Protein backbone atom coordinates (compact mmCIF):
# COMPACT_ATOMS: atom_id res chain seq x y z
CA MET A 1 0.02 -0.28 -0.02
CA LEU A 2 1.24 3.77 -0.83
CA LYS A 3 0.19 6.83 0.47
CA GLY A 4 -1.39 9.38 -1.87
CA ILE A 5 -2.59 6.53 -4.32
CA PRO A 6 -6.37 6.43 -4.59
CA PRO A 7 -6.44 2.58 -3.64
CA ILE A 8 -9.28 1.68 -6.65
CA LEU A 9 -6.23 1.69 -8.80
CA SER A 10 -4.84 -1.92 -8.91
CA PRO A 11 -1.33 -2.60 -9.02
CA GLU A 12 -1.54 -3.68 -12.39
CA LEU A 13 -3.49 -0.77 -13.96
CA LEU A 14 -0.73 2.07 -12.23
CA LYS A 15 1.83 0.34 -14.01
CA VAL A 16 0.13 0.89 -17.26
CA LEU A 17 -0.78 4.56 -16.21
CA MET A 18 3.02 4.54 -15.65
CA GLU A 19 4.27 2.68 -18.63
CA MET A 20 2.00 5.35 -21.00
CA GLY A 21 3.56 8.37 -22.67
CA HIS A 22 2.82 11.48 -23.80
CA GLY A 23 -0.07 11.22 -26.61
CA ASP A 24 -0.77 7.80 -25.36
CA GLU A 25 -4.75 6.86 -25.06
CA ILE A 26 -6.75 4.41 -22.79
CA CYS A 27 -10.19 3.92 -22.75
CA ILE A 28 -12.74 3.06 -19.77
CA GLY A 29 -15.38 0.96 -21.21
CA ASP A 30 -18.79 0.30 -19.39
CA GLY A 31 -20.00 -3.16 -18.56
CA ASN A 32 -21.62 -3.69 -22.14
CA PHE A 33 -18.18 -2.93 -23.96
CA PRO A 34 -16.58 -5.58 -26.47
CA HIS A 35 -13.05 -5.16 -24.42
CA GLU A 36 -11.59 -8.27 -24.73
CA SER A 37 -12.25 -8.20 -28.83
CA LEU A 38 -10.50 -4.64 -29.39
CA ASN A 39 -7.58 -4.39 -27.47
CA SER A 40 -4.79 -7.47 -26.18
CA ARG A 41 -4.20 -5.31 -23.02
CA VAL A 42 -6.92 -5.46 -20.81
CA ILE A 43 -7.25 -4.26 -17.27
CA ARG A 44 -10.29 -5.89 -15.57
CA CYS A 45 -12.09 -3.23 -12.88
CA ASP A 46 -15.08 -5.21 -12.47
CA GLY A 47 -17.47 -3.93 -9.51
CA HIS A 48 -15.97 -0.43 -10.14
CA GLY A 49 -17.99 2.55 -11.86
CA ILE A 50 -16.53 4.62 -14.67
CA PRO A 51 -16.58 7.98 -12.54
CA GLU A 52 -14.42 6.66 -9.43
CA LEU A 53 -12.17 5.24 -12.34
CA LEU A 54 -11.68 8.60 -13.87
CA GLU A 55 -11.52 10.73 -10.84
CA ALA A 56 -8.70 8.60 -9.30
CA ILE A 57 -6.55 8.10 -12.72
CA LEU A 58 -7.40 12.27 -13.05
CA GLN A 59 -5.55 12.80 -9.87
CA LEU A 60 -2.48 11.05 -11.35
CA MET A 61 -2.68 11.41 -15.19
CA PRO A 62 -2.91 15.02 -16.88
CA LEU A 63 -4.73 15.50 -19.97
CA ASP A 64 -3.11 16.00 -23.08
CA THR A 65 -2.95 20.03 -23.53
CA TYR A 66 -1.71 19.95 -27.50
CA VAL A 67 -5.05 18.90 -28.69
CA ASP A 68 -8.69 20.32 -28.20
CA HIS A 69 -10.19 17.13 -27.35
CA PRO A 70 -8.16 15.26 -24.78
CA VAL A 71 -11.58 13.37 -23.69
CA MET A 72 -13.83 11.31 -26.30
CA LEU A 73 -17.05 9.86 -25.23
CA MET A 74 -18.88 7.30 -27.44
CA ALA A 75 -21.53 9.27 -29.39
CA VAL A 76 -25.45 7.92 -28.87
CA THR A 77 -26.84 6.12 -31.77
CA PRO A 78 -28.82 8.13 -34.07
CA GLY A 79 -32.36 7.36 -33.40
CA ASP A 80 -31.28 5.62 -29.73
CA PRO A 81 -34.02 7.35 -27.28
CA VAL A 82 -31.28 6.24 -24.42
CA GLU A 83 -30.32 9.36 -22.08
CA THR A 84 -26.60 10.19 -20.82
CA PRO A 85 -27.21 11.92 -17.72
CA ILE A 86 -23.45 10.13 -16.64
CA TRP A 87 -21.80 12.64 -19.17
CA GLU A 88 -22.55 15.56 -17.06
CA THR A 89 -20.79 13.75 -14.11
CA TYR A 90 -17.52 13.21 -16.36
CA GLN A 91 -17.86 16.76 -17.19
CA SER A 92 -17.89 17.70 -13.88
CA ILE A 93 -14.72 15.14 -12.88
CA VAL A 94 -12.56 16.78 -16.01
CA HIS A 95 -13.35 20.27 -15.07
CA GLN A 96 -11.68 19.30 -11.56
CA TYR A 97 -8.99 18.42 -13.45
CA ASP A 98 -8.54 20.29 -16.39
CA PRO A 99 -9.24 24.00 -16.86
CA ARG A 100 -11.08 23.72 -20.25
CA GLY A 101 -13.84 21.58 -18.71
CA GLU A 102 -16.39 20.28 -20.79
CA SER A 103 -14.70 22.01 -24.10
CA ALA A 104 -12.09 18.91 -23.31
CA ILE A 105 -14.29 16.89 -24.46
CA SER A 106 -15.71 15.14 -27.62
CA THR A 107 -17.73 12.45 -29.16
CA LEU A 108 -17.14 10.03 -31.62
CA GLU A 109 -19.55 7.60 -33.24
CA ARG A 110 -19.92 4.12 -32.42
CA PHE A 111 -18.13 2.24 -34.73
CA ALA A 112 -15.23 5.60 -34.65
CA PHE A 113 -14.75 5.05 -31.11
CA TYR A 114 -14.52 1.20 -31.60
CA GLU A 115 -11.67 1.59 -33.95
CA ARG A 116 -9.63 4.11 -31.75
CA ALA A 117 -10.00 2.11 -29.08
CA LYS A 118 -8.42 -0.63 -30.55
CA SER A 119 -5.39 1.59 -31.19
CA THR A 120 -5.53 3.09 -27.32
CA TYR A 121 -3.04 1.52 -25.04
CA ALA A 122 -4.89 -0.43 -23.27
CA ILE A 123 -8.51 -0.46 -22.14
CA ILE A 124 -10.26 -0.84 -18.72
CA ALA A 125 -12.95 -3.10 -17.88
CA SER A 126 -15.08 -1.74 -15.61
CA GLY A 127 -18.91 -2.68 -14.28
CA GLU A 128 -20.23 0.32 -15.24
CA LYS A 129 -23.77 -0.24 -15.91
CA ALA A 130 -24.70 3.33 -17.56
CA LEU A 131 -25.19 3.03 -21.29
CA TYR A 132 -22.95 4.97 -23.78
CA ALA A 133 -20.32 5.38 -20.58
CA ASN A 134 -17.22 4.25 -22.53
CA ILE A 135 -14.30 6.85 -22.98
CA ILE A 136 -10.86 7.38 -23.90
CA LEU A 137 -8.14 9.98 -22.31
CA LYS A 138 -5.53 11.06 -24.23
CA LYS A 139 -2.31 11.25 -21.66
CA GLY A 140 -0.68 14.81 -21.57
CA VAL A 141 3.09 16.07 -20.33
CA VAL A 142 3.45 15.71 -16.73
CA ARG A 143 4.94 18.88 -15.23
CA ASP A 144 5.58 18.53 -11.82
């Protein structure tokens, strides 16, 4: 156990966050996301929601300041009536760690999101039950 490290971050996830360099991306998938079929590096965080994982990760990992949208969400498929209140939670969390707030966030069409997830450094498999809760984060430069 270490001081100052959010306990939700497993040793495996901490290792991956440390290995990532500037510009690398990590995807956090909800419970319905096809984690294993998209990426060979999958970190299991079953039983944890994405907001708590996002909060913990952003305590340690800065977002990329050299791109307009270092946070990407999976867009709702046209015609799908599902609501996405979890996005407001994401905006609040991102705003705590990035002065751009919600302007740092963009959306990607569902299949474009899947393609992007294939090239991320890793995918975190969460137990998140909200629909369209998937998120990709682009790592920035650590300046401290």
